[in-house]
Protein backbone atom coordinates (compact mmCIF):
# COMPACT_ATOMS: atom_id res chain seq x y z
CA MET A 1 -4.79 -28.53 -28.05
CA ALA A 2 -1.08 -28.75 -27.60
CA GLY A 3 0.55 -32.13 -27.14
CA GLU A 4 -2.64 -34.03 -28.49
CA GLN A 5 -2.17 -35.74 -31.77
CA ILE A 6 -5.15 -35.40 -34.02
CA ARG A 7 -6.27 -38.83 -35.07
CA LEU A 8 -7.58 -39.04 -38.61
CA LEU A 9 -9.64 -41.53 -40.51
CA VAL A 10 -10.15 -41.20 -44.26
CA ILE A 11 -13.08 -42.62 -46.30
CA GLU A 12 -11.83 -42.93 -49.75
CA ASP A 13 -12.49 -45.52 -52.56
CA VAL A 14 -9.88 -44.25 -55.09
CA PRO A 15 -6.42 -45.69 -54.34
CA GLN A 16 -4.66 -42.85 -55.94
CA VAL A 17 -6.16 -40.20 -53.81
CA ALA A 18 -5.81 -42.27 -50.71
CA SER A 19 -2.01 -42.60 -51.42
CA HIS A 20 -1.70 -38.88 -51.95
CA ILE A 21 -3.35 -38.15 -48.56
CA ALA A 22 -0.71 -40.72 -46.93
CA ALA A 23 2.06 -39.33 -48.69
CA LEU A 24 1.30 -35.73 -47.50
CA LEU A 25 0.77 -36.66 -44.08
CA ASN A 26 4.02 -38.68 -43.84
CA ALA A 27 6.22 -35.72 -43.12
CA GLN A 28 4.54 -34.46 -40.19
CA SER A 29 3.85 -35.91 -36.67
CA GLN A 30 0.69 -33.87 -35.30
CA ILE A 31 -1.88 -35.81 -37.48
CA LYS A 32 -1.81 -39.43 -37.31
CA LEU A 33 -3.47 -41.25 -40.30
CA LEU A 34 -5.36 -44.29 -38.58
CA GLN A 35 -6.66 -46.12 -41.71
CA VAL A 36 -8.02 -45.47 -44.97
CA ILE A 37 -11.44 -47.17 -45.43
CA ALA A 38 -12.37 -47.96 -49.00
CA SER A 39 -16.18 -48.63 -48.59
CA GLY A 40 -18.75 -46.43 -47.41
CA ASP A 41 -20.38 -49.51 -45.86
CA MET A 42 -17.48 -50.01 -43.54
CA ALA A 43 -17.40 -46.29 -42.38
CA LEU A 44 -19.58 -46.48 -39.28
CA PRO A 45 -17.91 -49.60 -37.94
CA ALA A 46 -14.57 -48.16 -38.60
CA VAL A 47 -15.39 -44.85 -36.57
CA ALA A 48 -16.53 -47.03 -33.77
CA GLU A 49 -13.24 -49.13 -33.77
CA TYR A 50 -10.77 -46.48 -34.59
CA ARG A 51 -12.15 -43.54 -32.46
CA PRO A 52 -10.94 -40.71 -34.84
CA ASP A 53 -11.05 -37.00 -34.05
CA VAL A 54 -11.46 -36.15 -37.77
CA VAL A 55 -12.93 -38.10 -40.70
CA ILE A 56 -12.49 -37.19 -44.30
CA ILE A 57 -15.18 -38.49 -46.47
CA ASP A 58 -15.07 -38.48 -50.33
CA ALA A 59 -18.30 -36.87 -51.50
CA LEU A 60 -18.07 -38.91 -54.67
CA LEU A 61 -17.93 -42.34 -52.98
CA GLN A 62 -19.11 -45.14 -55.29
CA GLY A 63 -21.19 -48.09 -54.28
CA ARG A 64 -24.31 -48.57 -52.19
CA VAL A 65 -23.62 -45.81 -49.69
CA SER A 66 -22.97 -42.25 -50.77
CA GLY A 67 -20.48 -39.79 -49.14
CA ALA A 68 -23.38 -37.75 -48.10
CA SER A 69 -25.13 -40.78 -46.40
CA VAL A 70 -21.87 -41.57 -44.72
CA ALA A 71 -21.29 -38.21 -43.25
CA SER A 72 -25.01 -37.94 -42.18
CA GLY A 73 -24.81 -41.39 -40.45
CA ILE A 74 -21.53 -40.48 -38.63
CA ARG A 75 -22.73 -37.31 -37.49
CA ARG A 76 -25.82 -38.91 -35.93
CA ALA A 77 -23.84 -41.75 -34.27
CA ASN A 78 -20.88 -39.75 -33.33
CA PRO A 79 -21.38 -36.16 -32.91
CA GLU A 80 -18.28 -35.22 -31.46
CA VAL A 81 -16.19 -36.29 -34.53
CA THR A 82 -15.18 -33.52 -36.91
CA LEU A 83 -16.09 -34.40 -40.59
CA ILE A 84 -14.53 -33.11 -43.75
CA SER A 85 -16.05 -33.63 -47.18
CA LEU A 86 -13.57 -34.16 -50.15
CA THR A 87 -14.55 -33.19 -53.37
CA VAL A 88 -13.62 -31.44 -56.72
CA PRO A 89 -14.69 -28.08 -58.20
CA GLN A 90 -17.10 -29.80 -60.59
CA ASN A 91 -18.93 -31.20 -57.69
CA PRO A 92 -19.47 -28.25 -55.14
CA VAL A 93 -20.22 -29.00 -51.61
CA GLN A 94 -21.56 -26.56 -48.95
CA GLU A 95 -20.67 -26.82 -45.34
CA ASP A 96 -23.63 -27.94 -43.15
CA SER A 97 -22.60 -29.08 -39.81
CA ASP A 98 -26.05 -30.75 -39.32
CA ARG A 99 -25.60 -32.91 -42.15
CA GLY A 100 -22.09 -33.92 -41.33
CA ILE A 101 -20.11 -31.47 -43.10
CA ASP A 102 -17.88 -29.34 -40.98
CA ALA A 103 -15.57 -28.15 -43.73
CA VAL A 104 -15.03 -28.94 -47.33
CA LEU A 105 -11.47 -29.93 -48.87
CA ARG A 106 -11.33 -29.46 -52.67
CA MET A 107 -8.91 -31.19 -54.98
CA PRO A 108 -6.24 -30.69 -55.96
CA PHE A 109 -4.69 -29.82 -52.62
CA THR A 110 -1.33 -29.42 -51.00
CA GLY A 111 0.08 -30.92 -47.83
CA PHE A 112 -0.19 -27.42 -46.41
CA ASP A 113 -3.88 -27.33 -47.41
CA LEU A 114 -4.56 -30.51 -45.80
CA THR A 115 -2.84 -30.31 -42.58
CA THR A 116 -4.11 -26.85 -42.06
CA LEU A 117 -7.65 -27.53 -42.46
CA VAL A 118 -7.68 -30.57 -40.42
CA ARG A 119 -5.92 -28.73 -37.53
CA ARG A 120 -8.47 -25.70 -37.80
CA VAL A 121 -11.61 -27.60 -37.90
CA HIS A 122 -10.58 -29.93 -35.09
CA GLU A 123 -9.64 -27.04 -32.90
CA GLU A 124 -12.78 -25.16 -33.75
CA ARG A 125 -15.19 -28.10 -33.19
CA GLY A 126 -13.01 -29.00 -30.03
CA ALA A 127 -13.67 -25.47 -28.67
CA GLN A 128 -17.46 -25.81 -29.44
CA SER A 129 -17.77 -29.21 -27.53
CA ALA A 130 -15.39 -28.40 -24.65
CA ARG A 131 -18.14 -29.32 -22.37
CA GLY A 132 -18.12 -32.82 -23.49
CA ARG A 133 -14.37 -33.26 -23.19
CA SER A 134 -12.37 -35.20 -20.72
CA LEU A 135 -10.08 -33.49 -18.00
CA MET A 136 -6.76 -34.83 -18.07
CA ILE A 137 -4.76 -34.09 -14.80
CA ALA A 138 -1.08 -34.59 -14.29
CA LEU A 139 0.16 -34.70 -10.77
CA PHE A 140 3.73 -33.50 -10.58
CA SER A 141 6.12 -32.76 -7.89
CA PRO A 142 9.85 -32.10 -8.12
CA LYS A 143 10.79 -34.01 -4.96
CA GLY A 144 9.78 -37.74 -3.96
CA GLY A 145 8.10 -38.43 -0.73
CA VAL A 146 5.30 -35.73 -0.84
CA GLY A 147 2.54 -38.31 -1.46
CA ARG A 148 2.06 -37.60 -5.07
CA THR A 149 1.15 -41.37 -6.13
CA THR A 150 -1.12 -41.87 -2.98
CA ILE A 151 -3.02 -38.72 -4.09
CA ALA A 152 -3.19 -39.65 -7.65
CA TYR A 153 -4.77 -43.11 -6.67
CA ASN A 154 -7.14 -41.66 -4.17
CA LEU A 155 -8.32 -38.89 -6.32
CA ALA A 156 -8.94 -41.33 -9.27
CA VAL A 157 -10.98 -43.53 -6.96
CA THR A 158 -13.05 -40.58 -5.59
CA LEU A 159 -13.80 -39.39 -9.08
CA ALA A 160 -14.75 -42.94 -10.05
CA ALA A 161 -17.71 -42.77 -7.86
CA THR A 162 -19.64 -40.64 -10.51
CA HIS A 163 -17.29 -40.61 -13.72
CA ARG A 164 -15.39 -42.73 -15.80
CA VAL A 165 -11.77 -42.71 -14.66
CA CYS A 166 -8.39 -43.83 -15.84
CA LEU A 167 -5.30 -43.79 -13.96
CA VAL A 168 -1.92 -43.75 -15.93
CA ASP A 169 1.28 -44.63 -14.25
CA GLY A 170 3.80 -42.19 -15.71
CA SER A 171 6.90 -43.47 -13.75
CA MET A 172 8.12 -45.50 -16.68
CA GLN A 173 11.30 -46.91 -14.84
CA PHE A 174 10.05 -47.75 -11.36
CA SER A 175 6.26 -48.00 -12.05
CA ASP A 176 5.09 -46.57 -8.64
CA LEU A 177 1.62 -47.78 -9.02
CA ARG A 178 2.59 -51.42 -9.37
CA GLY A 179 4.39 -51.24 -6.12
CA LEU A 180 1.51 -49.29 -4.22
CA LEU A 181 -1.32 -51.70 -5.55
CA ARG A 182 0.91 -54.92 -5.42
CA VAL A 183 0.18 -55.55 -9.03
CA PRO A 184 1.86 -58.94 -10.32
CA ALA A 185 4.78 -58.45 -12.30
CA ASP A 186 3.21 -60.11 -15.38
CA ALA A 187 0.49 -57.80 -15.41
CA PRO A 188 0.37 -56.12 -19.00
CA SER A 189 1.41 -52.34 -19.35
CA ILE A 190 1.75 -49.61 -21.79
CA VAL A 191 4.76 -51.60 -23.21
CA ASN A 192 2.14 -54.17 -24.48
CA LEU A 193 0.36 -51.61 -26.59
CA PRO A 194 1.01 -51.61 -30.57
CA THR A 195 3.48 -48.92 -31.81
CA ASP A 196 1.62 -48.00 -34.66
CA ARG A 197 -2.21 -47.86 -34.51
CA ILE A 198 -3.68 -48.11 -31.01
CA ARG A 199 -7.29 -49.07 -30.95
CA GLU A 200 -9.90 -49.09 -27.97
CA ALA A 201 -9.57 -52.95 -28.13
CA ASP A 202 -5.76 -52.79 -27.46
CA LEU A 203 -6.22 -50.51 -24.43
CA ALA A 204 -8.86 -53.06 -22.93
CA GLU A 205 -6.34 -55.87 -23.17
CA VAL A 206 -3.76 -54.07 -21.20
CA MET A 207 -5.73 -52.10 -18.48
CA TRP A 208 -5.44 -53.32 -14.89
CA ARG A 209 -8.95 -53.29 -13.40
CA ASP A 210 -8.32 -52.22 -9.89
CA PRO A 211 -11.09 -53.58 -7.37
CA SER A 212 -11.86 -50.08 -6.49
CA GLY A 213 -13.38 -49.70 -9.95
CA ILE A 214 -10.87 -47.52 -12.00
CA ASP A 215 -8.95 -48.83 -14.98
CA ILE A 216 -5.04 -48.35 -14.44
CA LEU A 217 -2.45 -48.33 -17.36
CA LEU A 218 0.51 -49.52 -15.78
CA GLY A 219 4.26 -48.66 -16.46
CA PRO A 220 6.61 -51.42 -17.48
CA PRO A 221 7.34 -54.02 -15.15
CA ARG A 222 11.29 -53.74 -15.34
CA VAL A 223 13.48 -50.60 -15.26
CA GLU A 224 15.15 -51.36 -18.51
CA MET A 225 11.90 -51.74 -20.47
CA ALA A 226 11.26 -48.00 -20.02
CA GLU A 227 13.29 -47.37 -23.05
CA MET A 228 10.89 -49.22 -25.18
CA VAL A 229 8.17 -46.49 -24.61
CA THR A 230 8.84 -43.40 -26.92
CA PRO A 231 7.00 -39.88 -26.36
CA GLY A 232 5.15 -40.75 -29.58
CA ASP A 233 3.69 -43.75 -27.90
CA VAL A 234 2.58 -41.87 -24.93
CA GLU A 235 1.08 -39.05 -27.08
CA LYS A 236 -1.02 -41.59 -29.17
CA THR A 237 -2.32 -43.49 -25.98
CA LEU A 238 -3.20 -40.33 -24.11
CA SER A 239 -5.04 -39.06 -27.24
CA LEU A 240 -7.14 -42.03 -27.27
CA LEU A 241 -7.76 -42.27 -23.49
CA ARG A 242 -9.41 -38.76 -23.84
CA LYS A 243 -12.16 -40.37 -25.79
CA LEU A 244 -12.85 -43.20 -23.49
CA TYR A 245 -12.88 -41.55 -20.03
CA ASP A 246 -14.31 -38.40 -18.47
CA PHE A 247 -10.97 -38.12 -16.18
CA VAL A 248 -7.47 -39.25 -17.11
CA ILE A 249 -5.20 -38.99 -14.09
CA LEU A 250 -1.44 -39.05 -14.95
CA ASP A 251 0.85 -39.79 -12.10
CA THR A 252 4.35 -38.67 -13.05
CA ARG A 253 7.63 -38.78 -11.39
CA ALA A 254 10.19 -36.48 -9.70
CA SER A 255 11.76 -34.93 -12.82
CA LEU A 256 11.36 -32.77 -15.82
CA SER A 257 12.82 -35.03 -18.29
CA ASP A 258 11.41 -35.48 -21.67
CA ASP A 259 9.15 -38.38 -20.70
CA VAL A 260 7.66 -36.34 -17.94
CA LEU A 261 7.18 -33.23 -20.03
CA VAL A 262 5.05 -35.44 -22.37
CA PHE A 263 2.61 -35.96 -19.92
CA LEU A 264 2.74 -32.24 -18.65
CA ASP A 265 2.24 -30.96 -22.10
CA ALA A 266 -0.97 -33.19 -22.66
CA ALA A 267 -2.48 -32.35 -19.38
CA ASP A 268 -5.30 -29.84 -19.04
CA VAL A 269 -4.22 -29.25 -15.35
CA ILE A 270 -0.99 -29.90 -13.56
CA LEU A 271 -1.64 -30.55 -9.93
CA GLN A 272 1.55 -29.51 -8.09
CA VAL A 273 2.00 -31.50 -4.97
CA LEU A 274 4.14 -30.37 -2.14
CA SER A 275 4.58 -30.29 1.56
CA TYR A 276 6.13 -28.06 4.24
CA ASP A 277 9.63 -29.32 3.24
CA SER A 278 12.07 -26.80 2.31
CA MET A 279 13.62 -28.82 -0.36
CA ALA A 280 10.12 -29.70 -1.91
CA ILE A 281 9.18 -25.98 -1.86
CA ARG A 282 12.57 -24.74 -3.44
CA GLY A 283 12.11 -27.48 -6.16
CA LEU A 284 8.59 -26.51 -7.12
CA ALA A 285 9.56 -22.89 -7.23
CA MET A 286 12.33 -23.82 -9.63
CA ALA A 287 9.91 -25.93 -11.57
CA GLY A 288 7.61 -22.92 -11.92
CA GLU A 289 10.39 -20.78 -13.61
CA THR A 290 10.64 -23.72 -16.25
CA PHE A 291 6.85 -23.90 -16.70
CA ARG A 292 6.69 -20.23 -17.38
CA ALA A 293 9.64 -20.46 -19.81
CA ILE A 294 7.83 -23.33 -21.67
CA GLY A 295 4.69 -21.33 -21.84
CA TYR A 296 2.35 -23.00 -19.63
CA PRO A 297 -0.40 -20.44 -18.53
CA ALA A 298 -1.17 -19.92 -14.95
CA THR A 299 -4.67 -21.47 -15.47
CA LYS A 300 -2.94 -24.84 -16.26
CA LEU A 301 -1.34 -25.09 -12.85
CA THR A 302 -2.87 -25.66 -9.44
CA THR A 303 -1.21 -26.25 -6.18
CA LEU A 304 -1.93 -28.79 -3.33
CA MET A 305 -0.28 -28.72 0.04
CA ASN A 306 -0.11 -32.26 1.42
CA ARG A 307 0.11 -32.75 5.26
CA ALA A 308 -1.14 -29.19 5.39
CA ASP A 309 -1.16 -29.34 9.36
CA ALA A 310 2.48 -30.35 9.67
CA LEU A 311 3.92 -26.94 9.07
CA GLY A 312 7.56 -27.78 10.15
CA GLY A 313 8.48 -24.24 11.02
CA ILE A 314 7.47 -22.89 7.75
CA SER A 315 4.30 -20.74 7.32
CA ARG A 316 1.76 -20.92 4.54
CA ALA A 317 2.34 -17.27 3.56
CA GLU A 318 6.13 -17.87 3.29
CA VAL A 319 5.44 -20.83 1.02
CA GLU A 320 3.21 -18.72 -1.14
CA GLU A 321 5.58 -15.77 -1.26
CA THR A 322 8.49 -18.28 -2.42
CA LEU A 323 6.37 -19.90 -5.09
CA GLY A 324 4.76 -16.54 -6.35
CA HIS A 325 1.26 -17.92 -6.29
CA PRO A 326 -1.27 -19.27 -3.71
CA ILE A 327 -1.80 -22.62 -2.24
CA ASP A 328 -5.13 -23.85 -3.81
CA HIS A 329 -5.93 -27.09 -2.06
CA GLU A 330 -4.81 -28.74 1.15
CA LEU A 331 -4.88 -32.24 2.61
CA PRO A 332 -4.39 -32.77 6.31
CA SER A 333 -1.95 -35.25 7.82
CA GLU A 334 -3.42 -38.62 8.53
CA GLY A 335 -0.07 -40.76 8.58
CA LEU A 336 -1.18 -43.64 10.35
CA LEU A 337 -4.40 -44.26 8.28
CA VAL A 338 -2.75 -43.59 5.02
CA LEU A 339 0.19 -45.69 5.74
CA ALA A 340 -1.95 -48.67 6.88
CA ALA A 341 -3.93 -48.29 3.62
CA ASN A 342 -1.00 -48.06 1.31
CA ASN A 343 0.44 -50.99 3.04
CA ASP A 344 -2.59 -53.10 2.24
CA GLY A 345 -2.79 -51.69 -1.29
CA LEU A 346 -6.21 -49.95 -0.57
CA PRO A 347 -7.36 -46.39 -1.17
CA PHE A 348 -7.81 -44.56 2.12
CA VAL A 349 -10.89 -42.96 0.82
CA SER A 350 -12.58 -46.30 0.98
CA VAL A 351 -10.92 -47.53 4.29
CA ALA A 352 -11.99 -44.39 6.26
CA PRO A 353 -14.75 -42.50 4.49
CA ALA A 354 -15.47 -40.17 7.31
CA ALA A 355 -11.78 -39.24 7.95
CA PRO A 356 -10.75 -35.65 7.59
CA ILE A 357 -8.47 -36.41 4.86
CA THR A 358 -11.26 -38.27 2.90
CA ARG A 359 -13.50 -35.28 3.10
CA ALA A 360 -10.57 -32.91 1.88
CA MET A 361 -10.07 -35.35 -1.00
CA ARG A 362 -13.85 -35.28 -2.09
CA ALA A 363 -13.59 -31.46 -1.99
CA LEU A 364 -10.51 -31.71 -4.29
CA ALA A 365 -12.45 -34.17 -6.54
CA SER A 366 -15.50 -32.04 -6.75
CA SER A 367 -13.41 -29.06 -7.75
CA PHE A 368 -12.16 -30.92 -10.74
CA ALA A 369 -15.57 -32.32 -11.43
CA ALA A 370 -16.76 -28.69 -11.77
CA ARG A 371 -13.99 -27.88 -14.15
CA LEU A 372 -14.85 -30.70 -16.30
CA GLY A 373 -17.97 -29.04 -17.58
CA VAL A 374 -16.45 -25.69 -18.40
CA GLN A 375 -12.74 -26.36 -19.33
CA THR A 376 -11.39 -25.02 -22.46
CA PRO A 377 -9.10 -26.99 -24.87
CA THR A 378 -5.32 -27.25 -23.43
CA ALA A 379 -3.53 -24.11 -23.69
CA ALA A 380 0.08 -23.62 -24.70
CA GLY A 381 2.76 -26.38 -24.41
CA ARG A 382 6.33 -26.69 -25.76
CA ARG A 383 6.95 -25.56 -29.33
């Protein structure tokens, strides 16, 4: 799951062991230690609060609740969480997924042993439960003015009719969604999230609840505040959003800078948006070369032609030849409708539910809804 930080919770009542695990994880960035819980009684509430990907549980927990009971309780309440039992050779433990033991970590162990096991079991369980995962879709265009933000908003609203959806404003400098939706300048944004541990409650406090029914994580309210958001902050946030929503829609900006690549790396699907504009077509062809060099598989990329009935003297066949791949989806031109809806800060899919562009948007949303049930973990990203 390239680009996705693994969120780890440890249930351990021996301070020396807890310190050893924390020290081993200090030198790497893929696994984030959320917290160490020293009591089995607090394990289930902690899992509910922190939403970890992986939990390590000491099989020799002292107190009223044993390690085995903690594992079984977490498995029943949170079947999607990967569980590792920590033990010693004198107390052998057998793997048993039904009882909440997906893998066993035996002391003593090295940092390599720890990180390798956590990554392996997380990937294996993620592949097994792919049907229950969210789908993260990043909208990308190398040229502004092709309708990317409008499409992102209306796609999110359409999917929200039947799914839990979050829309993320990935334009960190100019916060395009703030402008489109006329969000107040003092509305909270990703800048207001803690830089260390991000919890579900933290996200709830900063989300903008749009009247359409979707949650929106806004970009910073001022240009200079974009520097306050690091790639690590974005990775942590997206990792948690995956656990809370069926669809996470990422509206990026016209660039392939590091901040945009964080979103593209994390996405399961990159929806490339273009129009019959020679500059947009050329830019997307150049971006395609970069994506291939990065290692993005073809299955991660899909292409949408906006204003598909406004050819501008360029044929679809010519565009596909230039890009080296087919156009997968189309939206027709509805300039007056879209402009009026945007000026009112409303989704055109709600303003005109019977319009051709709305029907096309529903078809696009349906194609992604179908992928949600069969998608596999995100393929290659940057190394």
